[in-house]
Protein backbone atom coordinates (compact mmCIF):
# COMPACT_ATOMS: atom_id res chain seq x y z
CA MET A 1 -15.19 10.04 5.88
CA ASN A 2 -13.15 7.20 7.29
CA PRO A 3 -10.67 8.35 9.99
CA LEU A 4 -7.88 6.66 8.06
CA GLU A 5 -8.51 9.03 5.18
CA TYR A 6 -8.23 12.03 7.50
CA TRP A 7 -5.08 10.70 9.16
CA TYR A 8 -3.46 9.96 5.81
CA ASN A 9 -4.25 13.45 4.52
CA THR A 10 -3.11 15.33 7.62
CA ASN A 11 -0.24 13.28 9.05
CA ILE A 12 2.92 13.57 6.96
CA GLU A 13 4.81 11.02 9.09
CA LEU A 14 2.09 8.41 8.59
CA ARG A 15 2.07 9.05 4.85
CA LYS A 16 5.87 8.67 4.69
CA PHE A 17 5.75 5.46 6.71
CA LEU A 18 3.12 3.92 4.44
CA ASP A 19 4.95 5.01 1.28
CA ILE A 20 8.24 3.55 2.53
CA TYR A 21 6.53 0.28 3.43
CA PHE A 22 4.98 0.11 -0.03
CA TYR A 23 8.22 0.78 -1.90
CA GLU A 24 10.21 -1.63 0.26
CA ASN A 25 7.73 -4.47 -0.25
CA ILE A 26 6.17 -4.09 -3.70
CA GLU A 27 8.75 -6.53 -5.08
CA LYS A 28 6.98 -9.30 -3.15
CA CYS A 29 4.62 -9.31 -6.16
CA ARG A 30 7.41 -9.58 -8.74
CA ASN A 31 6.30 -13.05 -9.89
CA HIS A 32 2.75 -11.86 -10.44
CA GLY A 33 3.01 -9.16 -13.10
CA LYS A 34 -0.65 -8.22 -13.35
CA LEU A 35 -1.12 -8.26 -9.57
CA LYS A 36 1.94 -6.05 -9.13
CA ALA A 37 0.66 -3.60 -11.74
CA ASN A 38 -2.77 -3.52 -10.09
CA CYS A 39 -1.20 -2.89 -6.68
CA GLU A 40 0.95 -0.09 -8.05
CA ASN A 41 -2.04 1.55 -9.75
CA LEU A 42 -4.27 1.22 -6.70
CA TYR A 43 -1.60 2.56 -4.35
CA ARG A 44 -0.77 5.46 -6.65
CA ASP A 45 -4.37 6.44 -7.52
CA GLY A 46 -6.45 5.06 -4.65
CA ASN A 47 -7.70 6.65 -1.48
CA ALA A 48 -6.26 5.81 1.96
CA VAL A 49 -8.46 2.75 2.45
CA GLU A 50 -7.43 1.34 -0.93
CA LYS A 51 -3.77 2.03 -0.17
CA ASN A 52 -4.24 0.15 3.09
CA GLN A 53 -5.66 -2.82 1.16
CA VAL A 54 -2.50 -2.95 -0.95
CA LEU A 55 -0.31 -2.74 2.15
CA THR A 56 -2.29 -5.56 3.76
CA LEU A 57 -1.66 -7.77 0.74
CA LEU A 58 2.06 -6.92 0.75
CA SER A 59 2.26 -7.65 4.46
CA ALA A 60 0.64 -11.06 3.96
CA LEU A 61 3.06 -11.88 1.14
CA LYS A 62 5.98 -10.72 3.26
CA ASN A 63 4.99 -12.77 6.29
CA PHE A 64 3.69 -15.96 4.71
CA PHE A 65 5.52 -16.47 1.41
């Protein structure tokens, strides 16, 4: 098991922080309908590593575009 998975499952504050970041930044994909839908599905249904991948993409969009 990846430590991120353990931390996500046991640390409520971390989970809240990641969820807030996702919901505040998902609109960065608004011009890319299929990408936005894929990100939403992966964040909703994925494990902690997959959620982190979505957050990495959103962070790149936020900082560079």
